[in-house]
Amino acid sequence: MFKDLFQKKKYATVPSVSQAPAASERPKREIPEGLMNRCPKCGNIQFSKEWEKNLKVCSTCGHHSRLNALERIAMTLDDGRFF
């Protein structure tokens, strides 16, 4: 029991920077087109669904992106009803 305290323990090792694969050798992840948007003013990256939920307004800097006619009408009217 007392002898076990002084035995060398085996730990997992992490490869050093020189042993790590270069960036060109690593496989690149495929990101689906249209999943994220970048703000043209501050460069913040947001998920497209969150950006559209905020009516195309950047949550970081408040930049308003253009809305097309159908988006503006849908935003103005209540649940698709026109009075």
PDB file of N, CA and C in Angstrom:
ATOM      1  N   MET A   1       0.823  -1.187   0.000  1.00  0.00           N
ATOM      2  CA  MET A   1       0.000   0.000   0.000  1.00  0.00           C
ATOM      3  C   MET A   1       0.870   1.255   0.000  1.00  0.00           C
ATOM      4  N   PHE A   2       1.779   1.348   0.940  1.00  0.00           N
ATOM      5  CA  PHE A   2       2.661   2.499   1.045  1.00  0.00           C
ATOM      6  C   PHE A   2       3.598   2.564  -0.168  1.00  0.00           C
ATOM      7  N   LYS A   3       3.913   1.398  -0.687  1.00  0.00           N
ATOM      8  CA  LYS A   3       4.786   1.284  -1.844  1.00  0.00           C
ATOM      9  C   LYS A   3       4.121   1.876  -3.098  1.00  0.00           C
ATOM     10  N   ASP A   4       2.776   1.774  -3.189  1.00  0.00           N
ATOM     11  CA  ASP A   4       2.032   2.278  -4.343  1.00  0.00           C
ATOM     12  C   ASP A   4       2.099   3.797  -4.468  1.00  0.00           C
ATOM     13  N   LEU A   5       2.304   4.495  -3.376  1.00  0.00           N
ATOM     14  CA  LEU A   5       2.356   5.952  -3.415  1.00  0.00           C
ATOM     15  C   LEU A   5       3.571   6.457  -4.180  1.00  0.00           C
ATOM     16  N   PHE A   6       4.653   5.711  -4.193  1.00  0.00           N
ATOM     17  CA  PHE A   6       5.886   6.185  -4.796  1.00  0.00           C
ATOM     18  C   PHE A   6       6.168   5.599  -6.174  1.00  0.00           C
ATOM     19  N   GLN A   7       5.233   4.837  -6.718  1.00  0.00           N
ATOM     20  CA  GLN A   7       5.423   4.303  -8.050  1.00  0.00           C
ATOM     21  C   GLN A   7       5.094   5.379  -9.074  1.00  0.00           C
ATOM     22  N   LYS A   8       5.749   5.323 -10.212  1.00  0.00           N
ATOM     23  CA  LYS A   8       5.482   6.287 -11.274  1.00  0.00           C
ATOM     24  C   LYS A   8       4.103   6.022 -11.857  1.00  0.00           C
ATOM     25  N   LYS A   9       3.378   7.095 -12.024  1.00  0.00           N
ATOM     26  CA  LYS A   9       2.047   6.975 -12.620  1.00  0.00           C
ATOM     27  C   LYS A   9       2.142   7.290 -14.098  1.00  0.00           C
ATOM     28  N   LYS A  10       1.286   6.653 -14.862  1.00  0.00           N
ATOM     29  CA  LYS A  10       1.266   6.888 -16.295  1.00  0.00           C
ATOM     30  C   LYS A  10       0.155   7.881 -16.620  1.00  0.00           C
ATOM     31  N   TYR A  11       0.519   8.923 -17.306  1.00  0.00           N
ATOM     32  CA  TYR A  11      -0.428   9.948 -17.713  1.00  0.00           C
ATOM     33  C   TYR A  11      -0.494   9.991 -19.228  1.00  0.00           C
ATOM     34  N   ALA A  12      -1.621  10.455 -19.726  1.00  0.00           N
ATOM     35  CA  ALA A  12      -1.765  10.634 -21.166  1.00  0.00           C
ATOM     36  C   ALA A  12      -0.898  11.810 -21.581  1.00  0.00           C
ATOM     37  N   THR A  13      -0.278  11.716 -22.727  1.00  0.00           N
ATOM     38  CA  THR A  13       0.584  12.790 -23.195  1.00  0.00           C
ATOM     39  C   THR A  13      -0.087  13.521 -24.346  1.00  0.00           C
ATOM     40  N   VAL A  14       0.218  14.776 -24.447  1.00  0.00           N
ATOM     41  CA  VAL A  14      -0.279  15.613 -25.527  1.00  0.00           C
ATOM     42  C   VAL A  14       0.899  15.881 -26.447  1.00  0.00           C
ATOM     43  N   PRO A  15       0.731  15.701 -27.753  1.00  0.00           N
ATOM     44  CA  PRO A  15       1.864  15.934 -28.644  1.00  0.00           C
ATOM     45  C   PRO A  15       2.289  17.401 -28.607  1.00  0.00           C
ATOM     46  N   SER A  16       3.567  17.631 -28.703  1.00  0.00           N
ATOM     47  CA  SER A  16       4.067  18.998 -28.694  1.00  0.00           C
ATOM     48  C   SER A  16       3.713  19.670 -30.011  1.00  0.00           C
ATOM     49  N   VAL A  17       3.948  20.960 -30.087  1.00  0.00           N
ATOM     50  CA  VAL A  17       3.609  21.721 -31.286  1.00  0.00           C
ATOM     51  C   VAL A  17       4.364  21.176 -32.487  1.00  0.00           C
ATOM     52  N   SER A  18       5.591  20.763 -32.280  1.00  0.00           N
ATOM     53  CA  SER A  18       6.369  20.250 -33.407  1.00  0.00           C
ATOM     54  C   SER A  18       5.842  18.893 -33.888  1.00  0.00           C
ATOM     55  N   GLN A  19       5.174  18.131 -33.021  1.00  0.00           N
ATOM     56  CA  GLN A  19       4.650  16.833 -33.403  1.00  0.00           C
ATOM     57  C   GLN A  19       3.223  16.907 -33.934  1.00  0.00           C
ATOM     58  N   ALA A  20       2.521  18.001 -33.678  1.00  0.00           N
ATOM     59  CA  ALA A  20       1.140  18.143 -34.131  1.00  0.00           C
ATOM     60  C   ALA A  20       1.109  18.262 -35.650  1.00  0.00           C
ATOM     61  N   PRO A  21       0.055  17.733 -36.300  1.00  0.00           N
ATOM     62  CA  PRO A  21      -0.021  17.842 -37.765  1.00  0.00           C
ATOM     63  C   PRO A  21      -0.206  19.296 -38.191  1.00  0.00           C
ATOM     64  N   ALA A  22       0.374  19.646 -39.312  1.00  0.00           N
ATOM     65  CA  ALA A  22       0.262  21.006 -39.835  1.00  0.00           C
ATOM     66  C   ALA A  22      -1.171  21.284 -40.238  1.00  0.00           C
ATOM     67  N   ALA A  23      -1.508  22.561 -40.317  1.00  0.00           N
ATOM     68  CA  ALA A  23      -2.882  22.964 -40.655  1.00  0.00           C
ATOM     69  C   ALA A  23      -3.289  22.435 -42.028  1.00  0.00           C
ATOM     70  N   SER A  24      -2.338  22.351 -42.950  1.00  0.00           N
ATOM     71  CA  SER A  24      -2.681  21.868 -44.292  1.00  0.00           C
ATOM     72  C   SER A  24      -2.952  20.368 -44.294  1.00  0.00           C
ATOM     73  N   GLU A  25      -2.443  19.631 -43.294  1.00  0.00           N
ATOM     74  CA  GLU A  25      -2.636  18.187 -43.236  1.00  0.00           C
ATOM     75  C   GLU A  25      -3.923  17.798 -42.528  1.00  0.00           C
ATOM     76  N   ARG A  26      -4.463  18.690 -41.717  1.00  0.00           N
ATOM     77  CA  ARG A  26      -5.686  18.382 -40.978  1.00  0.00           C
ATOM     78  C   ARG A  26      -6.887  18.417 -41.926  1.00  0.00           C
ATOM     79  N   PRO A  27      -7.838  17.516 -41.744  1.00  0.00           N
ATOM     80  CA  PRO A  27      -9.038  17.564 -42.591  1.00  0.00           C
ATOM     81  C   PRO A  27      -9.880  18.786 -42.224  1.00  0.00           C
ATOM     82  N   LYS A  28     -10.408  19.444 -43.235  1.00  0.00           N
ATOM     83  CA  LYS A  28     -11.245  20.621 -43.003  1.00  0.00           C
ATOM     84  C   LYS A  28     -12.682  20.189 -42.785  1.00  0.00           C
ATOM     85  N   ARG A  29     -13.347  20.896 -41.886  1.00  0.00           N
ATOM     86  CA  ARG A  29     -14.756  20.590 -41.623  1.00  0.00           C
ATOM     87  C   ARG A  29     -15.621  21.240 -42.686  1.00  0.00           C
ATOM     88  N   GLU A  30     -16.622  20.516 -43.072  1.00  0.00           N
ATOM     89  CA  GLU A  30     -17.573  21.044 -44.049  1.00  0.00           C
ATOM     90  C   GLU A  30     -18.676  21.785 -43.300  1.00  0.00           C
ATOM     91  N   ILE A  31     -18.834  23.068 -43.582  1.00  0.00           N
ATOM     92  CA  ILE A  31     -19.887  23.875 -42.976  1.00  0.00           C
ATOM     93  C   ILE A  31     -20.931  24.129 -44.060  1.00  0.00           C
ATOM     94  N   PRO A  32     -22.182  23.756 -43.805  1.00  0.00           N
ATOM     95  CA  PRO A  32     -23.218  23.952 -44.822  1.00  0.00           C
ATOM     96  C   PRO A  32     -23.378  25.419 -45.200  1.00  0.00           C
ATOM     97  N   GLU A  33     -23.634  25.650 -46.461  1.00  0.00           N
ATOM     98  CA  GLU A  33     -23.828  27.002 -46.973  1.00  0.00           C
ATOM     99  C   GLU A  33     -25.090  27.609 -46.371  1.00  0.00           C
ATOM    100  N   GLY A  34     -25.028  28.854 -45.936  1.00  0.00           N
ATOM    101  CA  GLY A  34     -26.185  29.549 -45.388  1.00  0.00           C
ATOM    102  C   GLY A  34     -26.441  29.280 -43.917  1.00  0.00           C
ATOM    103  N   LEU A  35     -25.543  28.593 -43.238  1.00  0.00           N
ATOM    104  CA  LEU A  35     -25.730  28.296 -41.825  1.00  0.00           C
ATOM    105  C   LEU A  35     -25.438  29.515 -40.957  1.00  0.00           C
ATOM    106  N   MET A  36     -24.475  30.333 -41.391  1.00  0.00           N
ATOM    107  CA  MET A  36     -24.080  31.488 -40.602  1.00  0.00           C
ATOM    108  C   MET A  36     -23.969  32.715 -41.492  1.00  0.00           C
ATOM    109  N   ASN A  37     -24.089  33.892 -40.860  1.00  0.00           N
ATOM    110  CA  ASN A  37     -23.939  35.168 -41.554  1.00  0.00           C
ATOM    111  C   ASN A  37     -22.929  36.026 -40.808  1.00  0.00           C
ATOM    112  N   ARG A  38     -22.183  36.836 -41.557  1.00  0.00           N
ATOM    113  CA  ARG A  38     -21.221  37.753 -40.963  1.00  0.00           C
ATOM    114  C   ARG A  38     -21.744  39.177 -41.139  1.00  0.00           C
ATOM    115  N   CYS A  39     -21.702  39.945 -40.057  1.00  0.00           N
ATOM    116  CA  CYS A  39     -22.139  41.338 -40.103  1.00  0.00           C
ATOM    117  C   CYS A  39     -21.151  42.133 -40.957  1.00  0.00           C
ATOM    118  N   PRO A  40     -21.650  42.913 -41.934  1.00  0.00           N
ATOM    119  CA  PRO A  40     -20.735  43.684 -42.779  1.00  0.00           C
ATOM    120  C   PRO A  40     -20.067  44.836 -42.027  1.00  0.00           C
ATOM    121  N   LYS A  41     -20.634  45.272 -40.923  1.00  0.00           N
ATOM    122  CA  LYS A  41     -20.069  46.409 -40.186  1.00  0.00           C
ATOM    123  C   LYS A  41     -19.022  45.969 -39.161  1.00  0.00           C
ATOM    124  N   CYS A  42     -19.368  45.044 -38.246  1.00  0.00           N
ATOM    125  CA  CYS A  42     -18.442  44.663 -37.169  1.00  0.00           C
ATOM    126  C   CYS A  42     -17.775  43.318 -37.391  1.00  0.00           C
ATOM    127  N   GLY A  43     -18.272  42.504 -38.340  1.00  0.00           N
ATOM    128  CA  GLY A  43     -17.668  41.209 -38.619  1.00  0.00           C
ATOM    129  C   GLY A  43     -18.118  40.095 -37.691  1.00  0.00           C
ATOM    130  N   ASN A  44     -19.087  40.358 -36.816  1.00  0.00           N
ATOM    131  CA  ASN A  44     -19.590  39.328 -35.906  1.00  0.00           C
ATOM    132  C   ASN A  44     -20.283  38.230 -36.704  1.00  0.00           C
ATOM    133  N   ILE A  45     -20.071  36.982 -36.292  1.00  0.00           N
ATOM    134  CA  ILE A  45     -20.686  35.846 -36.981  1.00  0.00           C
ATOM    135  C   ILE A  45     -21.862  35.359 -36.153  1.00  0.00           C
ATOM    136  N   GLN A  46     -23.027  35.216 -36.809  1.00  0.00           N
ATOM    137  CA  GLN A  46     -24.255  34.768 -36.142  1.00  0.00           C
ATOM    138  C   GLN A  46     -24.871  33.632 -36.939  1.00  0.00           C
ATOM    139  N   PHE A  47     -25.614  32.769 -36.246  1.00  0.00           N
ATOM    140  CA  PHE A  47     -26.388  31.751 -36.943  1.00  0.00           C
ATOM    141  C   PHE A  47     -27.475  32.441 -37.757  1.00  0.00           C
ATOM    142  N   SER A  48     -27.768  31.924 -38.937  1.00  0.00           N
ATOM    143  CA  SER A  48     -28.751  32.544 -39.828  1.00  0.00           C
ATOM    144  C   SER A  48     -30.135  32.617 -39.194  1.00  0.00           C
ATOM    145  N   LYS A  49     -30.523  31.573 -38.462  1.00  0.00           N
ATOM    146  CA  LYS A  49     -31.854  31.579 -37.847  1.00  0.00           C
ATOM    147  C   LYS A  49     -31.970  32.669 -36.788  1.00  0.00           C
ATOM    148  N   GLU A  50     -30.922  32.881 -35.993  1.00  0.00           N
ATOM    149  CA  GLU A  50     -30.941  33.946 -34.985  1.00  0.00           C
ATOM    150  C   GLU A  50     -30.953  35.313 -35.651  1.00  0.00           C
ATOM    151  N   TRP A  51     -30.187  35.451 -36.735  1.00  0.00           N
ATOM    152  CA  TRP A  51     -30.101  36.715 -37.463  1.00  0.00           C
ATOM    153  C   TRP A  51     -31.460  37.077 -38.074  1.00  0.00           C
ATOM    154  N   GLU A  52     -32.152  36.081 -38.636  1.00  0.00           N
ATOM    155  CA  GLU A  52     -33.471  36.322 -39.200  1.00  0.00           C
ATOM    156  C   GLU A  52     -34.508  36.556 -38.108  1.00  0.00           C
ATOM    157  N   LYS A  53     -34.344  35.883 -36.970  1.00  0.00           N
ATOM    158  CA  LYS A  53     -35.248  36.097 -35.838  1.00  0.00           C
ATOM    159  C   LYS A  53     -35.140  37.535 -35.331  1.00  0.00           C
ATOM    160  N   ASN A  54     -33.929  38.114 -35.412  1.00  0.00           N
ATOM    161  CA  ASN A  54     -33.705  39.506 -35.013  1.00  0.00           C
ATOM    162  C   ASN A  54     -34.008  40.477 -36.148  1.00  0.00           C
ATOM    163  N   LEU A  55     -34.701  40.015 -37.186  1.00  0.00           N
ATOM    164  CA  LEU A  55     -35.087  40.818 -38.344  1.00  0.00           C
ATOM    165  C   LEU A  55     -33.889  41.421 -39.058  1.00  0.00           C
ATOM    166  N   LYS A  56     -32.835  40.605 -39.208  1.00  0.00           N
ATOM    167  CA  LYS A  56     -31.606  40.972 -39.903  1.00  0.00           C
ATOM    168  C   LYS A  56     -30.898  42.163 -39.261  1.00  0.00           C
ATOM    169  N   VAL A  57     -30.931  42.202 -37.925  1.00  0.00           N
ATOM    170  CA  VAL A  57     -30.212  43.227 -37.171  1.00  0.00           C
ATOM    171  C   VAL A  57     -29.114  42.526 -36.379  1.00  0.00           C
ATOM    172  N   CYS A  58     -27.888  43.048 -36.468  1.00  0.00           N
ATOM    173  CA  CYS A  58     -26.760  42.468 -35.752  1.00  0.00           C
ATOM    174  C   CYS A  58     -26.957  42.663 -34.252  1.00  0.00           C
ATOM    175  N   SER A  59     -26.796  41.597 -33.489  1.00  0.00           N
ATOM    176  CA  SER A  59     -26.988  41.684 -32.037  1.00  0.00           C
ATOM    177  C   SER A  59     -25.816  42.362 -31.348  1.00  0.00           C
ATOM    178  N   THR A  60     -24.680  42.486 -32.017  1.00  0.00           N
ATOM    179  CA  THR A  60     -23.511  43.115 -31.414  1.00  0.00           C
ATOM    180  C   THR A  60     -23.480  44.623 -31.633  1.00  0.00           C
ATOM    181  N   CYS A  61     -23.578  45.043 -32.898  1.00  0.00           N
ATOM    182  CA  CYS A  61     -23.423  46.478 -33.192  1.00  0.00           C
ATOM    183  C   CYS A  61     -24.727  47.169 -33.579  1.00  0.00           C
ATOM    184  N   GLY A  62     -25.800  46.408 -33.843  1.00  0.00           N
ATOM    185  CA  GLY A  62     -27.086  47.017 -34.194  1.00  0.00           C
ATOM    186  C   GLY A  62     -27.218  47.374 -35.668  1.00  0.00           C
ATOM    187  N   HIS A  63     -26.309  46.894 -36.506  1.00  0.00           N
ATOM    188  CA  HIS A  63     -26.378  47.181 -37.943  1.00  0.00           C
ATOM    189  C   HIS A  63     -27.623  46.533 -38.532  1.00  0.00           C
ATOM    190  N   HIS A  64     -28.389  47.302 -39.309  1.00  0.00           N
ATOM    191  CA  HIS A  64     -29.591  46.796 -39.976  1.00  0.00           C
ATOM    192  C   HIS A  64     -29.252  46.428 -41.416  1.00  0.00           C
ATOM    193  N   SER A  65     -29.448  45.172 -41.778  1.00  0.00           N
ATOM    194  CA  SER A  65     -29.264  44.750 -43.167  1.00  0.00           C
ATOM    195  C   SER A  65     -30.561  44.982 -43.919  1.00  0.00           C
ATOM    196  N   ARG A  66     -30.455  45.049 -45.233  1.00  0.00           N
ATOM    197  CA  ARG A  66     -31.639  45.318 -46.055  1.00  0.00           C
ATOM    198  C   ARG A  66     -32.638  44.179 -45.992  1.00  0.00           C
ATOM    199  N   LEU A  67     -33.902  44.521 -46.020  1.00  0.00           N
ATOM    200  CA  LEU A  67     -35.001  43.561 -46.110  1.00  0.00           C
ATOM    201  C   LEU A  67     -35.612  43.692 -47.503  1.00  0.00           C
ATOM    202  N   ASN A  68     -35.991  42.563 -48.088  1.00  0.00           N
ATOM    203  CA  ASN A  68     -36.680  42.660 -49.365  1.00  0.00           C
ATOM    204  C   ASN A  68     -38.160  42.974 -49.096  1.00  0.00           C
ATOM    205  N   ALA A  69     -38.941  43.190 -50.146  1.00  0.00           N
ATOM    206  CA  ALA A  69     -40.330  43.618 -49.999  1.00  0.00           C
ATOM    207  C   ALA A  69     -41.176  42.598 -49.232  1.00  0.00           C
ATOM    208  N   LEU A  70     -41.026  41.320 -49.548  1.00  0.00           N
ATOM    209  CA  LEU A  70     -41.830  40.298 -48.874  1.00  0.00           C
ATOM    210  C   LEU A  70     -41.482  40.189 -47.382  1.00  0.00           C
ATOM    211  N   GLU A  71     -40.209  40.328 -47.054  1.00  0.00           N
ATOM    212  CA  GLU A  71     -39.806  40.288 -45.638  1.00  0.00           C
ATOM    213  C   GLU A  71     -40.380  41.480 -44.872  1.00  0.00           C
ATOM    214  N   ARG A  72     -40.356  42.662 -45.501  1.00  0.00           N
ATOM    215  CA  ARG A  72     -40.883  43.856 -44.833  1.00  0.00           C
ATOM    216  C   ARG A  72     -42.401  43.761 -44.643  1.00  0.00           C
ATOM    217  N   ILE A  73     -43.121  43.230 -45.633  1.00  0.00           N
ATOM    218  CA  ILE A  73     -44.574  43.063 -45.520  1.00  0.00           C
ATOM    219  C   ILE A  73     -44.903  42.047 -44.434  1.00  0.00           C
ATOM    220  N   ALA A  74     -44.174  40.918 -44.401  1.00  0.00           N
ATOM    221  CA  ALA A  74     -44.412  39.893 -43.383  1.00  0.00           C
ATOM    222  C   ALA A  74     -44.126  40.436 -41.987  1.00  0.00           C
ATOM    223  N   MET A  75     -43.156  41.317 -41.859  1.00  0.00           N
ATOM    224  CA  MET A  75     -42.812  41.906 -40.569  1.00  0.00           C
ATOM    225  C   MET A  75     -43.895  42.897 -40.117  1.00  0.00           C
ATOM    226  N   THR A  76     -44.499  43.590 -41.063  1.00  0.00           N
ATOM    227  CA  THR A  76     -45.472  44.632 -40.744  1.00  0.00           C
ATOM    228  C   THR A  76     -46.852  44.064 -40.435  1.00  0.00           C
ATOM    229  N   LEU A  77     -47.296  43.051 -41.176  1.00  0.00           N
ATOM    230  CA  LEU A  77     -48.638  42.504 -41.019  1.00  0.00           C
ATOM    231  C   LEU A  77     -48.704  41.501 -39.871  1.00  0.00           C
ATOM    232  N   ASP A  78     -49.904  41.308 -39.345  1.00  0.00           N
ATOM    233  CA  ASP A  78     -50.132  40.362 -38.260  1.00  0.00           C
ATOM    234  C   ASP A  78     -50.518  38.987 -38.798  1.00  0.00           C
ATOM    235  N   ASP A  79     -49.678  38.015 -38.612  1.00  0.00           N
ATOM    236  CA  ASP A  79     -49.930  36.615 -38.961  1.00  0.00           C
ATOM    237  C   ASP A  79     -50.477  36.434 -40.373  1.00  0.00           C
ATOM    238  N   GLY A  80     -50.015  37.217 -41.329  1.00  0.00           N
ATOM    239  CA  GLY A  80     -50.410  37.044 -42.709  1.00  0.00           C
ATOM    240  C   GLY A  80     -51.796  37.591 -43.036  1.00  0.00           C
ATOM    241  N   ARG A  81     -52.438  38.297 -42.119  1.00  0.00           N
ATOM    242  CA  ARG A  81     -53.776  38.864 -42.389  1.00  0.00           C
ATOM    243  C   ARG A  81     -53.608  40.317 -42.824  1.00  0.00           C
ATOM    244  N   PHE A  82     -54.387  40.715 -43.811  1.00  0.00           N
ATOM    245  CA  PHE A  82     -54.359  42.086 -44.298  1.00  0.00           C
ATOM    246  C   PHE A  82     -55.731  42.708 -44.111  1.00  0.00           C
ATOM    247  N   PHE A  83     -55.784  43.838 -43.433  1.00  0.00           N
ATOM    248  CA  PHE A  83     -57.065  44.504 -43.164  1.00  0.00           C
ATOM    249  C   PHE A  83     -57.301  45.616 -44.111  1.00  0.00           C
TER     250      PHE A  83
END
